[in-house]
N, C-alpha and C. Protein backbone atom coordinates (compact mmCIF):
# COMPACT_ATOMS: atom_id res chain seq x y z
N MET A 1 170.69 178.19 94.68
CA MET A 1 169.57 177.62 94.27
C MET A 1 169.39 176.39 94.57
N ILE A 2 168.45 175.72 95.07
CA ILE A 2 168.13 174.41 95.82
C ILE A 2 167.55 173.56 94.33
N ALA A 3 168.34 172.69 94.14
CA ALA A 3 168.05 171.71 92.67
C ALA A 3 167.06 170.59 93.05
N ARG A 4 166.05 170.42 92.31
CA ARG A 4 165.14 169.58 92.90
C ARG A 4 165.59 168.05 92.25
N ILE A 5 165.51 167.04 93.11
CA ILE A 5 166.03 165.48 92.80
C ILE A 5 164.80 164.85 92.33
N ASP A 6 164.72 164.49 91.27
CA ASP A 6 163.88 163.50 90.75
C ASP A 6 164.08 162.30 91.12
N ASP A 7 162.80 161.38 91.45
CA ASP A 7 162.49 160.13 91.82
C ASP A 7 163.56 159.04 91.01
N ASP A 8 163.62 159.22 89.61
CA ASP A 8 164.84 158.51 88.86
C ASP A 8 165.99 158.61 89.40
N ASP A 9 166.54 160.03 89.53
CA ASP A 9 167.95 160.15 90.27
C ASP A 9 168.10 159.28 91.48
N VAL A 10 167.35 158.96 92.29
CA VAL A 10 167.25 158.45 93.32
C VAL A 10 167.31 157.09 93.14
N GLN A 11 166.63 156.46 92.12
CA GLN A 11 166.30 154.90 92.16
C GLN A 11 167.50 154.59 91.17
N GLN A 12 168.22 155.19 90.43
CA GLN A 12 169.19 154.91 89.35
C GLN A 12 170.30 154.46 90.46
N PRO A 13 170.87 154.88 91.48
CA PRO A 13 172.25 154.47 92.08
C PRO A 13 171.61 152.95 92.83
N GLN A 14 170.58 153.06 93.32
CA GLN A 14 169.76 151.89 93.87
C GLN A 14 169.99 150.54 92.88
N ARG A 15 169.43 150.87 91.66
CA ARG A 15 169.65 149.62 90.45
C ARG A 15 170.88 149.54 90.32
N SER A 16 172.01 150.49 90.17
CA SER A 16 173.36 150.11 90.09
C SER A 16 174.13 149.49 91.00
N TRP A 17 173.72 149.61 92.23
CA TRP A 17 174.22 149.18 93.36
C TRP A 17 174.00 147.95 93.36
N ILE A 18 172.70 147.42 93.18
CA ILE A 18 172.52 145.66 93.15
C ILE A 18 173.15 145.03 92.05
N ALA A 19 173.18 146.13 90.82
CA ALA A 19 173.99 145.70 89.72
C ALA A 19 175.15 145.12 90.00
N ARG A 20 176.12 146.24 90.80
CA ARG A 20 177.42 145.54 90.87
C ARG A 20 177.89 144.73 91.99
N HIS A 21 176.54 144.38 92.87
CA HIS A 21 176.85 143.32 93.73
C HIS A 21 176.13 142.11 93.11
N VAL A 22 175.35 141.91 92.03
CA VAL A 22 175.04 140.74 91.90
C VAL A 22 175.00 141.04 90.05
N PRO A 23 176.18 140.45 89.61
CA PRO A 23 176.35 141.16 88.46
C PRO A 23 175.77 139.76 87.51
N GLU A 24 175.98 138.56 87.82
CA GLU A 24 175.41 137.64 87.10
C GLU A 24 174.48 136.49 88.00
N THR A 25 173.54 135.98 87.44
CA THR A 25 172.61 134.96 88.08
C THR A 25 173.46 133.91 88.48
N GLY A 26 174.29 133.58 87.62
CA GLY A 26 175.11 132.26 87.99
C GLY A 26 176.07 132.25 89.22
N ALA A 27 176.76 133.79 89.23
CA ALA A 27 177.43 134.12 90.70
C ALA A 27 176.61 134.13 91.82
N PHE A 28 175.40 134.46 91.60
CA PHE A 28 174.30 134.60 92.93
C PHE A 28 174.12 133.29 93.01
N LEU A 29 173.62 132.37 92.48
CA LEU A 29 173.31 130.99 92.69
C LEU A 29 174.56 130.11 93.46
N PHE A 30 176.02 130.53 92.80
CA PHE A 30 177.02 129.92 93.54
C PHE A 30 177.11 130.46 94.86
N LEU A 31 176.67 131.53 95.13
CA LEU A 31 176.81 132.11 96.60
C LEU A 31 175.83 131.50 97.58
N LEU A 32 174.80 131.37 97.23
CA LEU A 32 173.92 130.63 97.83
C LEU A 32 174.30 129.36 98.11
N ALA A 33 174.58 128.30 97.15
CA ALA A 33 174.94 127.20 97.13
C ALA A 33 176.42 126.94 98.22
N SER A 34 176.99 128.04 98.47
CA SER A 34 178.12 127.67 99.09
C SER A 34 177.63 128.13 100.54
N PHE A 35 176.75 129.03 100.74
CA PHE A 35 176.16 129.49 101.90
C PHE A 35 175.50 128.22 102.85
N ALA A 36 174.54 127.75 101.79
CA ALA A 36 174.06 126.24 101.98
C ALA A 36 174.79 125.09 102.70
N PHE A 37 175.79 124.87 101.69
CA PHE A 37 177.01 123.92 102.20
C PHE A 37 177.56 124.24 103.85
N TYR A 38 177.62 125.40 103.63
CA TYR A 38 178.32 125.80 105.18
C TYR A 38 177.49 125.63 106.28
N PHE A 39 176.13 126.11 105.92
CA PHE A 39 175.17 125.96 107.00
C PHE A 39 175.07 124.32 107.45
N ASN A 40 174.88 123.49 106.58
CA ASN A 40 174.31 122.25 106.42
C ASN A 40 175.70 121.37 107.15
N SER A 41 177.07 121.90 106.89
CA SER A 41 178.26 121.53 107.51
C SER A 41 178.40 121.63 109.05
N THR A 42 177.84 122.86 109.27
CA THR A 42 177.77 123.40 110.74
C THR A 42 176.68 122.54 111.77
N ARG A 43 175.64 122.29 111.02
CA ARG A 43 174.64 121.58 111.92
C ARG A 43 174.87 120.22 111.82
N SER A 44 175.83 119.24 110.96
CA SER A 44 176.37 117.97 110.89
C SER A 44 177.10 117.60 112.02
N VAL A 45 177.67 118.70 112.90
CA VAL A 45 178.35 118.55 113.83
C VAL A 45 177.96 117.47 114.72
N PRO A 46 178.66 116.43 115.21
CA PRO A 46 177.94 115.26 116.29
C PRO A 46 177.61 116.20 117.51
N GLU A 47 176.31 115.46 117.93
CA GLU A 47 176.36 115.83 119.59
C GLU A 47 177.18 114.96 120.42
N PRO A 48 177.51 115.21 121.57
CA PRO A 48 178.51 114.60 122.34
C PRO A 48 177.43 113.39 122.91
N THR A 49 177.89 112.35 123.25
CA THR A 49 177.25 111.05 123.77
C THR A 49 177.68 110.35 125.09
N GLU A 50 178.81 111.45 125.43
CA GLU A 50 179.10 111.23 127.20
C GLU A 50 179.28 112.31 128.00
N TRP A 51 178.68 112.37 128.92
CA TRP A 51 178.94 113.57 129.94
C TRP A 51 179.52 113.03 131.29
N GLU A 52 180.07 113.88 131.88
CA GLU A 52 180.57 113.62 133.29
C GLU A 52 179.84 114.35 134.09
N VAL A 53 178.98 113.56 135.38
CA VAL A 53 178.22 114.28 136.49
C VAL A 53 178.65 113.95 137.70
N GLU A 54 178.18 114.65 138.44
CA GLU A 54 178.46 114.49 139.91
C GLU A 54 177.82 113.23 140.28
N ARG A 55 178.36 112.58 141.27
CA ARG A 55 177.87 111.76 142.22
C ARG A 55 178.19 111.49 143.65
N THR A 56 177.55 110.67 144.39
CA THR A 56 177.79 110.76 145.87
C THR A 56 177.99 109.43 146.27
N THR A 57 178.79 109.13 147.42
CA THR A 57 179.03 107.78 147.97
C THR A 57 178.27 107.46 149.05
N LYS A 58 177.67 108.84 149.46
CA LYS A 58 177.16 108.73 150.88
C LYS A 58 175.64 107.83 150.70
N THR A 59 175.37 107.00 152.04
CA THR A 59 174.16 106.20 152.14
C THR A 59 173.06 107.02 152.19
N PRO A 60 172.04 106.75 151.11
CA PRO A 60 170.49 107.51 151.10
C PRO A 60 169.95 107.38 152.26
N ARG A 61 169.00 108.26 152.72
CA ARG A 61 168.61 108.27 154.11
C ARG A 61 167.35 107.67 153.72
N VAL A 62 166.88 106.72 154.44
CA VAL A 62 165.56 105.90 154.77
C VAL A 62 164.73 105.87 155.91
N TYR A 63 163.30 105.95 155.82
CA TYR A 63 162.98 105.53 157.08
C TYR A 63 161.63 104.69 156.48
N TYR A 64 160.94 104.10 157.38
CA TYR A 64 159.60 103.09 157.38
C TYR A 64 158.46 103.62 157.90
N PHE A 65 157.49 103.40 157.29
CA PHE A 65 156.35 103.41 158.00
C PHE A 65 155.28 102.31 157.49
N GLY A 66 154.12 102.09 158.12
CA GLY A 66 153.24 101.68 158.15
C GLY A 66 151.80 102.33 157.21
N GLY A 67 150.70 102.20 157.62
CA GLY A 67 149.50 102.80 157.47
C GLY A 67 148.35 101.90 157.10
N SER A 68 147.32 102.88 157.03
CA SER A 68 146.13 102.21 156.71
C SER A 68 145.89 101.56 155.22
N ALA A 69 145.17 100.64 155.03
CA ALA A 69 144.98 100.15 153.41
C ALA A 69 144.31 101.14 152.93
N ASN A 70 143.51 101.82 153.44
CA ASN A 70 142.50 102.90 152.92
C ASN A 70 143.05 104.07 152.56
N LEU A 71 144.30 104.55 152.98
CA LEU A 71 144.83 105.95 152.48
C LEU A 71 145.24 105.91 150.92
N MET A 72 144.82 107.04 150.52
CA MET A 72 145.03 107.10 148.97
C MET A 72 146.43 107.40 148.60
N VAL A 73 147.06 106.85 147.76
CA VAL A 73 148.38 107.33 147.36
C VAL A 73 148.17 107.51 145.71
N THR A 74 149.71 107.92 145.11
CA THR A 74 149.74 107.92 143.90
C THR A 74 150.86 106.97 143.35
N ALA A 75 150.30 105.86 142.97
CA ALA A 75 151.38 104.80 142.54
C ALA A 75 151.74 104.57 141.10
N PHE A 76 153.06 104.36 140.86
CA PHE A 76 153.83 104.28 139.65
C PHE A 76 153.71 102.76 139.00
N SER A 77 153.08 102.79 137.47
CA SER A 77 153.20 102.00 136.86
C SER A 77 154.35 101.61 135.58
N PRO A 78 155.27 101.15 135.99
CA PRO A 78 156.41 100.86 134.64
C PRO A 78 155.91 100.35 133.74
N GLN A 79 154.90 99.43 133.51
CA GLN A 79 154.62 98.72 132.35
C GLN A 79 153.96 99.79 131.51
N ASN A 80 153.40 100.88 132.07
CA ASN A 80 153.00 101.93 130.71
C ASN A 80 153.21 103.67 131.34
N GLY A 81 154.07 103.74 131.99
CA GLY A 81 154.83 104.67 132.54
C GLY A 81 153.68 105.76 133.18
N THR A 82 152.94 105.29 133.61
CA THR A 82 151.44 106.23 134.34
C THR A 82 151.80 106.32 135.83
N TRP A 83 151.16 107.47 136.59
CA TRP A 83 150.96 107.41 137.84
C TRP A 83 149.52 107.31 137.99
N ILE A 84 149.06 106.34 138.92
CA ILE A 84 147.73 106.08 139.26
C ILE A 84 147.42 106.40 140.61
N ASP A 85 146.11 107.19 141.24
CA ASP A 85 145.62 107.01 142.48
C ASP A 85 145.04 105.85 142.66
N MET A 86 145.20 105.38 143.88
CA MET A 86 144.79 104.22 144.62
C MET A 86 144.85 104.05 145.83
N PRO A 87 143.96 103.14 146.65
CA PRO A 87 143.99 102.94 147.95
C PRO A 87 145.36 102.37 148.09
N ARG A 88 146.05 102.41 149.36
CA ARG A 88 147.44 101.94 149.80
C ARG A 88 147.28 100.52 149.72
N GLY A 89 146.08 99.84 150.10
CA GLY A 89 146.10 98.54 150.11
C GLY A 89 146.04 97.98 148.77
N LYS A 90 145.98 98.82 147.74
CA LYS A 90 146.36 98.03 146.21
C LYS A 90 147.63 98.00 145.78
N VAL A 91 148.53 98.59 146.41
CA VAL A 91 149.92 98.78 146.23
C VAL A 91 150.49 97.67 146.32
N ALA A 92 151.39 97.03 145.36
CA ALA A 92 151.87 95.95 144.80
C ALA A 92 153.40 95.82 145.77
N LEU A 93 153.74 94.73 146.17
CA LEU A 93 155.24 94.25 146.54
C LEU A 93 156.17 95.09 145.41
N GLY A 94 156.98 95.85 146.06
CA GLY A 94 158.00 96.53 145.29
C GLY A 94 157.41 97.70 144.49
N GLN A 95 156.12 98.08 144.27
CA GLN A 95 155.79 99.16 143.69
C GLN A 95 156.10 100.27 144.37
N GLU A 96 156.23 101.42 143.72
CA GLU A 96 156.54 102.82 144.17
C GLU A 96 155.65 103.68 144.19
N PHE A 97 155.50 104.55 145.07
CA PHE A 97 154.36 105.73 145.22
C PHE A 97 154.52 106.92 145.91
N ILE A 98 153.79 107.75 145.83
CA ILE A 98 153.77 109.29 146.59
C ILE A 98 152.64 109.23 147.50
N PHE A 99 153.26 109.57 148.76
CA PHE A 99 152.12 109.78 149.72
C PHE A 99 152.41 110.95 150.49
N MET A 100 151.68 111.88 150.97
CA MET A 100 151.97 113.06 151.67
C MET A 100 153.38 113.70 151.28
N GLY A 101 153.36 113.93 150.24
CA GLY A 101 154.71 114.67 149.85
C GLY A 101 155.77 113.40 149.81
N SER A 102 155.89 112.51 150.09
CA SER A 102 157.00 111.40 150.44
C SER A 102 157.04 110.67 149.24
N PHE A 103 158.21 110.21 148.49
CA PHE A 103 158.54 109.12 147.66
C PHE A 103 158.98 108.03 148.47
N SER A 104 157.84 106.86 148.19
CA SER A 104 158.22 105.78 148.94
C SER A 104 158.10 104.49 147.95
N LYS A 105 158.70 103.20 148.53
CA LYS A 105 158.69 102.22 147.81
C LYS A 105 158.19 100.89 148.84
N GLU A 106 157.28 100.28 148.20
CA GLU A 106 156.59 99.27 148.79
C GLU A 106 157.66 97.88 149.24
N VAL A 107 157.82 97.74 150.70
CA VAL A 107 158.74 96.57 150.57
C VAL A 107 158.28 95.45 151.58
N GLY A 108 156.79 95.78 151.87
CA GLY A 108 156.16 94.57 152.58
C GLY A 108 154.77 95.28 152.71
N PRO A 109 153.95 93.87 153.24
CA PRO A 109 152.36 94.30 153.21
C PRO A 109 151.98 95.42 153.94
N LEU A 110 151.69 96.70 153.37
CA LEU A 110 151.31 97.93 154.15
C LEU A 110 152.74 98.25 154.65
N HIS A 111 153.99 97.94 154.39
CA HIS A 111 155.16 98.26 154.95
C HIS A 111 155.90 99.01 153.87
N ALA A 112 156.23 100.40 153.79
CA ALA A 112 157.09 101.08 152.83
C ALA A 112 158.28 101.73 153.31
N ALA A 113 159.44 101.73 152.46
CA ALA A 113 160.59 102.48 152.64
C ALA A 113 160.40 103.69 152.05
N VAL A 114 160.57 104.91 152.93
CA VAL A 114 160.51 106.15 152.39
C VAL A 114 162.05 106.81 151.82
N TYR A 115 162.07 107.26 150.83
CA TYR A 115 163.47 107.91 150.31
C TYR A 115 163.24 109.25 149.86
N ASP A 116 163.49 110.25 150.40
CA ASP A 116 163.15 111.64 150.33
C ASP A 116 164.27 112.35 149.33
N GLN A 117 165.19 111.72 148.72
CA GLN A 117 165.90 112.06 147.74
C GLN A 117 165.07 112.69 146.56
N ASN A 118 164.25 112.13 145.97
CA ASN A 118 163.59 112.12 144.87
C ASN A 118 162.99 113.46 145.34
N ASP A 119 162.84 114.45 144.13
CA ASP A 119 162.19 115.63 144.10
C ASP A 119 160.71 115.15 143.24
N ILE A 120 159.63 115.10 143.82
CA ILE A 120 158.30 114.30 143.57
C ILE A 120 158.01 115.48 142.45
N THR A 121 158.07 116.89 142.59
CA THR A 121 157.42 117.75 141.65
C THR A 121 158.22 117.65 140.01
N ARG A 122 159.21 116.64 140.02
CA ARG A 122 159.82 116.60 138.76
C ARG A 122 160.02 115.35 138.42
N ILE A 123 159.54 114.28 139.45
CA ILE A 123 159.51 112.82 139.16
C ILE A 123 158.88 112.30 138.10
N GLN A 124 157.70 112.82 137.70
CA GLN A 124 156.83 112.20 137.03
C GLN A 124 156.99 112.61 135.51
N GLU A 125 158.25 113.61 135.32
CA GLU A 125 158.58 113.63 133.91
C GLU A 125 159.61 113.04 133.59
N SER A 126 160.43 112.37 134.56
CA SER A 126 161.66 111.42 134.18
C SER A 126 161.43 110.10 133.30
N PHE A 127 160.18 109.64 133.64
CA PHE A 127 159.95 108.18 133.06
C PHE A 127 159.08 108.32 131.82
N GLY A 128 159.28 108.37 130.65
CA GLY A 128 158.37 108.32 129.44
C GLY A 128 158.99 107.86 128.00
N LEU A 129 158.20 108.38 126.97
CA LEU A 129 158.87 107.80 125.67
C LEU A 129 159.60 108.56 125.09
N PHE A 130 160.67 108.31 124.38
CA PHE A 130 161.45 109.51 123.69
C PHE A 130 160.86 110.16 122.89
N HIS A 131 161.35 111.47 122.83
CA HIS A 131 160.87 112.59 121.91
C HIS A 131 162.03 113.25 121.71
N LYS A 132 162.41 113.68 120.43
CA LYS A 132 163.56 114.08 119.76
C LYS A 132 163.77 115.75 120.12
N ASP A 133 162.64 116.15 120.47
CA ASP A 133 162.50 117.73 120.46
C ASP A 133 162.50 118.05 122.25
N THR A 134 162.04 117.18 122.85
CA THR A 134 162.14 117.42 124.42
C THR A 134 163.10 116.60 125.26
N SER A 135 163.18 115.12 124.79
CA SER A 135 164.21 114.53 125.79
C SER A 135 165.56 115.27 125.85
N ARG A 136 166.02 115.01 127.05
CA ARG A 136 167.26 115.70 127.41
C ARG A 136 168.13 114.94 128.28
N VAL A 137 169.26 115.28 128.39
CA VAL A 137 170.20 114.49 129.15
C VAL A 137 170.00 114.84 130.66
N PRO A 138 169.98 113.89 131.74
CA PRO A 138 169.73 114.25 133.07
C PRO A 138 170.79 114.95 133.63
N GLY A 139 170.66 115.46 134.93
CA GLY A 139 171.52 116.24 135.66
C GLY A 139 171.76 115.06 137.05
N PRO A 140 172.39 115.81 137.86
CA PRO A 140 172.71 115.05 139.01
C PRO A 140 171.45 114.67 140.17
N ASP A 141 170.46 115.87 140.06
CA ASP A 141 169.49 115.75 140.81
C ASP A 141 168.26 115.34 140.10
N ASP A 142 168.24 114.91 138.81
CA ASP A 142 167.17 114.43 138.05
C ASP A 142 166.91 112.85 138.82
N SER A 143 165.68 112.45 138.88
CA SER A 143 165.25 111.27 139.21
C SER A 143 165.40 110.37 137.85
N VAL A 144 165.90 109.42 138.03
CA VAL A 144 166.00 108.53 136.67
C VAL A 144 165.84 107.02 137.31
N TYR A 145 165.36 106.10 136.12
CA TYR A 145 164.94 104.81 136.84
C TYR A 145 166.09 103.96 136.59
N VAL A 146 166.58 103.36 137.58
CA VAL A 146 167.51 102.23 137.64
C VAL A 146 167.23 101.11 136.90
N LEU A 147 167.71 100.20 135.83
CA LEU A 147 167.32 99.18 135.61
C LEU A 147 167.92 97.91 135.94
N ASP A 148 168.77 97.82 136.67
CA ASP A 148 169.62 96.71 136.78
C ASP A 148 169.70 96.22 138.31
N ARG A 149 168.73 96.86 138.98
CA ARG A 149 168.47 96.04 140.43
C ARG A 149 167.09 96.19 140.86
N PRO A 150 166.64 95.54 141.46
CA PRO A 150 164.90 95.18 141.83
C PRO A 150 164.64 96.51 142.78
N ILE A 151 163.15 96.72 142.85
CA ILE A 151 162.60 97.60 144.13
C ILE A 151 162.98 96.66 145.35
N PRO A 152 163.58 97.48 146.51
CA PRO A 152 163.36 98.90 146.49
C PRO A 152 164.71 99.60 145.90
N ASP A 153 165.94 98.69 145.98
CA ASP A 153 167.24 99.25 145.29
C ASP A 153 167.06 99.82 144.14
N GLY A 154 166.48 99.27 143.04
CA GLY A 154 166.37 99.85 141.94
C GLY A 154 165.02 100.95 141.79
N GLY A 155 164.63 101.16 140.70
CA GLY A 155 163.50 102.20 140.46
C GLY A 155 164.10 103.44 140.38
N PHE A 156 163.21 104.17 140.89
CA PHE A 156 163.65 105.73 140.99
C PHE A 156 164.63 106.14 142.11
N TRP A 157 165.86 106.87 141.41
CA TRP A 157 167.03 107.39 142.06
C TRP A 157 167.27 108.85 141.78
N PRO A 158 167.65 109.72 142.28
CA PRO A 158 168.41 110.74 141.55
C PRO A 158 169.69 110.04 141.00
N LEU A 159 170.14 111.01 140.04
CA LEU A 159 171.40 110.24 139.11
C LEU A 159 172.47 110.35 140.00
N ARG A 160 172.71 111.01 141.11
CA ARG A 160 173.73 111.09 141.89
C ARG A 160 174.08 110.05 142.73
N TYR A 161 172.79 109.10 142.97
CA TYR A 161 172.84 108.10 144.07
C TYR A 161 173.19 106.85 142.72
N VAL A 162 173.20 106.88 141.67
CA VAL A 162 173.46 105.88 140.72
C VAL A 162 174.70 105.21 140.88
N LYS A 163 174.89 103.72 140.88
CA LYS A 163 176.25 103.15 141.18
C LYS A 163 177.14 102.93 139.92
N PRO A 164 178.22 103.37 139.44
CA PRO A 164 178.72 103.35 138.10
C PRO A 164 178.81 101.85 137.85
N GLY A 165 178.59 101.55 136.61
CA GLY A 165 178.26 100.34 136.03
C GLY A 165 176.77 99.87 135.61
N GLU A 166 175.68 100.80 136.16
CA GLU A 166 174.42 100.34 136.09
C GLU A 166 173.64 101.21 134.93
N ARG A 167 172.86 100.76 134.17
CA ARG A 167 172.08 101.24 133.37
C ARG A 167 170.74 101.85 133.96
N ILE A 168 170.79 103.29 133.19
CA ILE A 168 169.46 104.09 133.85
C ILE A 168 168.33 104.15 132.54
N HIS A 169 167.35 104.69 132.87
CA HIS A 169 166.19 105.36 131.94
C HIS A 169 165.74 106.50 132.35
N PHE A 170 166.07 107.53 131.30
CA PHE A 170 165.68 108.96 131.77
C PHE A 170 165.23 109.43 130.02
N GLN A 171 163.76 109.80 130.20
CA GLN A 171 162.87 110.54 129.09
C GLN A 171 162.93 109.75 127.62
N GLY A 172 163.02 108.55 128.01
CA GLY A 172 162.79 107.36 126.58
C GLY A 172 164.35 107.14 126.15
N ARG A 173 165.30 107.74 126.85
CA ARG A 173 166.93 107.32 126.45
C ARG A 173 167.17 106.30 127.43
N ILE A 174 168.06 105.25 127.11
CA ILE A 174 168.93 104.44 127.81
C ILE A 174 170.40 105.00 128.02
N TYR A 175 170.93 104.95 129.35
CA TYR A 175 172.29 105.58 129.31
C TYR A 175 172.81 104.43 130.14
N ALA A 176 174.24 104.26 129.80
CA ALA A 176 175.10 103.22 130.71
C ALA A 176 176.23 104.31 131.40
N THR A 177 176.81 103.64 132.57
CA THR A 177 177.62 104.61 133.54
C THR A 177 178.70 103.74 133.75
N ARG A 178 179.60 104.60 134.08
CA ARG A 178 181.02 103.90 134.68
C ARG A 178 181.87 105.49 135.67
N GLU A 179 182.86 104.70 135.82
CA GLU A 179 183.72 105.57 136.83
C GLU A 179 184.07 106.73 136.22
N GLY A 180 183.96 107.79 136.79
CA GLY A 180 184.31 109.18 136.21
C GLY A 180 185.85 109.40 136.83
N SER A 181 186.27 110.31 136.41
CA SER A 181 187.69 110.89 136.75
C SER A 181 188.29 111.34 138.18
N ARG A 182 187.06 111.51 138.78
CA ARG A 182 187.34 111.49 140.29
C ARG A 182 186.39 110.55 141.22
N PRO A 183 186.50 110.30 142.59
CA PRO A 183 185.39 109.57 143.19
C PRO A 183 184.33 109.88 143.32
N ASP A 184 184.01 111.60 143.02
CA ASP A 184 182.52 111.89 143.31
C ASP A 184 182.14 112.47 141.96
N THR A 185 182.54 111.71 140.81
CA THR A 185 182.14 111.80 139.56
C THR A 185 181.57 110.54 138.99
N MET A 186 181.01 110.63 137.90
CA MET A 186 180.58 109.25 136.90
C MET A 186 180.29 109.72 135.78
N ILE A 187 180.60 108.50 134.63
CA ILE A 187 180.45 109.04 133.16
C ILE A 187 179.09 108.59 132.68
N LEU A 188 178.25 109.15 132.13
CA LEU A 188 176.91 108.82 131.47
C LEU A 188 177.45 108.73 130.07
N ARG A 189 176.74 107.84 129.50
CA ARG A 189 176.82 107.47 128.36
C ARG A 189 175.58 107.07 127.59
N ALA A 190 175.01 107.46 126.65
CA ALA A 190 173.88 107.50 125.70
C ALA A 190 174.31 106.20 125.01
N THR A 191 173.34 105.01 124.87
CA THR A 191 173.60 103.83 124.38
C THR A 191 173.37 103.80 122.97
N GLY A 192 172.28 104.91 122.63
CA GLY A 192 171.86 104.56 121.36
C GLY A 192 170.60 103.98 121.41
N GLU A 193 169.79 103.74 122.41
CA GLU A 193 168.73 102.77 122.65
C GLU A 193 167.67 104.08 123.14
N THR A 194 166.52 103.92 122.43
CA THR A 194 165.36 104.53 123.00
C THR A 194 164.10 103.83 123.36
N ILE A 195 163.63 104.19 124.25
CA ILE A 195 162.06 103.80 124.49
C ILE A 195 161.15 104.36 123.79
N THR A 196 160.46 103.87 122.52
CA THR A 196 159.11 104.42 121.90
C THR A 196 157.96 104.00 122.11
N THR A 197 157.78 102.96 122.63
CA THR A 197 156.72 102.01 123.02
C THR A 197 156.53 101.68 124.48
N PHE A 198 155.51 101.56 125.19
CA PHE A 198 155.35 100.75 126.34
C PHE A 198 154.60 99.56 125.92
N PRO A 199 154.69 98.57 126.87
CA PRO A 199 154.81 98.43 128.48
C PRO A 199 156.80 98.16 128.37
N GLY A 200 156.95 98.83 129.77
CA GLY A 200 158.03 98.26 130.19
C GLY A 200 159.37 99.03 129.38
N PRO A 201 160.69 99.42 130.28
CA PRO A 201 161.79 100.27 129.67
C PRO A 201 162.82 99.03 129.17
N THR A 202 162.53 97.48 129.40
CA THR A 202 163.42 96.61 129.03
C THR A 202 162.63 95.91 127.58
N LYS A 203 161.71 96.16 127.24
CA LYS A 203 160.95 95.59 126.01
C LYS A 203 161.04 95.95 124.82
N GLU A 204 160.60 97.12 124.77
CA GLU A 204 160.33 97.89 123.40
C GLU A 204 161.49 98.94 123.36
N VAL A 205 162.78 98.21 122.83
CA VAL A 205 163.98 99.12 122.49
C VAL A 205 164.49 99.13 121.37
N ARG A 206 164.38 100.16 120.65
CA ARG A 206 164.92 100.25 119.39
C ARG A 206 166.49 100.10 119.10
N ASP A 207 167.36 99.45 118.39
CA ASP A 207 168.63 99.35 118.46
C ASP A 207 169.13 100.60 117.62
N GLU A 208 170.47 100.91 117.49
CA GLU A 208 171.01 102.03 116.97
C GLU A 208 170.65 102.08 115.59
N ASP A 209 170.95 100.80 114.99
CA ASP A 209 170.78 100.81 113.68
C ASP A 209 169.29 100.80 112.94
N GLN A 210 168.44 100.87 114.02
CA GLN A 210 167.18 100.99 113.39
C GLN A 210 166.65 102.45 113.49
N ARG A 211 167.14 103.67 113.54
CA ARG A 211 166.89 104.96 113.62
C ARG A 211 167.68 105.79 113.25
N GLN A 212 167.68 107.10 113.37
CA GLN A 212 168.59 108.20 112.71
C GLN A 212 169.48 108.39 113.62
N PRO A 213 170.75 108.96 113.34
CA PRO A 213 171.80 109.27 114.09
C PRO A 213 171.43 109.70 115.41
N GLU A 214 171.81 109.48 116.68
CA GLU A 214 171.67 110.32 117.58
C GLU A 214 171.48 111.89 117.88
N HIS A 215 172.18 112.10 117.42
CA HIS A 215 172.51 113.88 117.39
C HIS A 215 171.19 114.36 116.71
N ASP A 216 170.65 113.56 115.64
CA ASP A 216 169.60 114.29 115.54
C ASP A 216 168.44 114.13 115.54
N GLN A 217 168.30 113.17 117.10
CA GLN A 217 167.25 112.91 117.57
C GLN A 217 166.97 113.35 119.03
N HIS A 218 167.94 113.99 119.26
CA HIS A 218 167.57 114.48 120.77
C HIS A 218 168.01 115.93 121.23
N SER A 219 167.06 116.49 121.99
CA SER A 219 167.81 117.81 122.31
C SER A 219 168.71 117.98 123.60
N VAL A 220 169.65 118.55 123.82
CA VAL A 220 170.53 118.63 125.21
C VAL A 220 170.65 119.83 125.39
């Protein structure tokens, strides 16, 4: 004979299981509090502030070209971090621009130095304001903005071409550099300064004590 199982017979063990595992409201709340403490403790582990990256000691390739003042180029304005289409004749001395797929620096009237080490498909994302959810640490081939030397020596360079001891800007954060553990490496250190408004990377910089801890402000 097959015995019929009533719904009450199925539900009773379920209620008993819950009762055995959560016998008291106080104990249950204690478990929740313990889990929350563990979770918050895990999240509060500081992010690193230093990274060792590859660098090169090779002299960068460079060649020069002239050109007509009417050629249209895309020039960079560090005052507001934008790229603007304009005739070549309006490019200022020392200004950087892109023309025919090449990254150039104006070194004289209608006379430019071309540095093809920068990846022009990614260079426009490197100079901007700091956003905690999107700003990241640059890699050796990311174009960064060198702050401590004038154009054409300064401005945009792949990180691997930066000299130890120079400060750089990348995606709204300021980094200092120093010698690495090997001649072909360099230590990159987040200074705790971020660019939150334009104009310029050297004017609107907030100090570390004016914002939240760095590990709560960036994504790496």
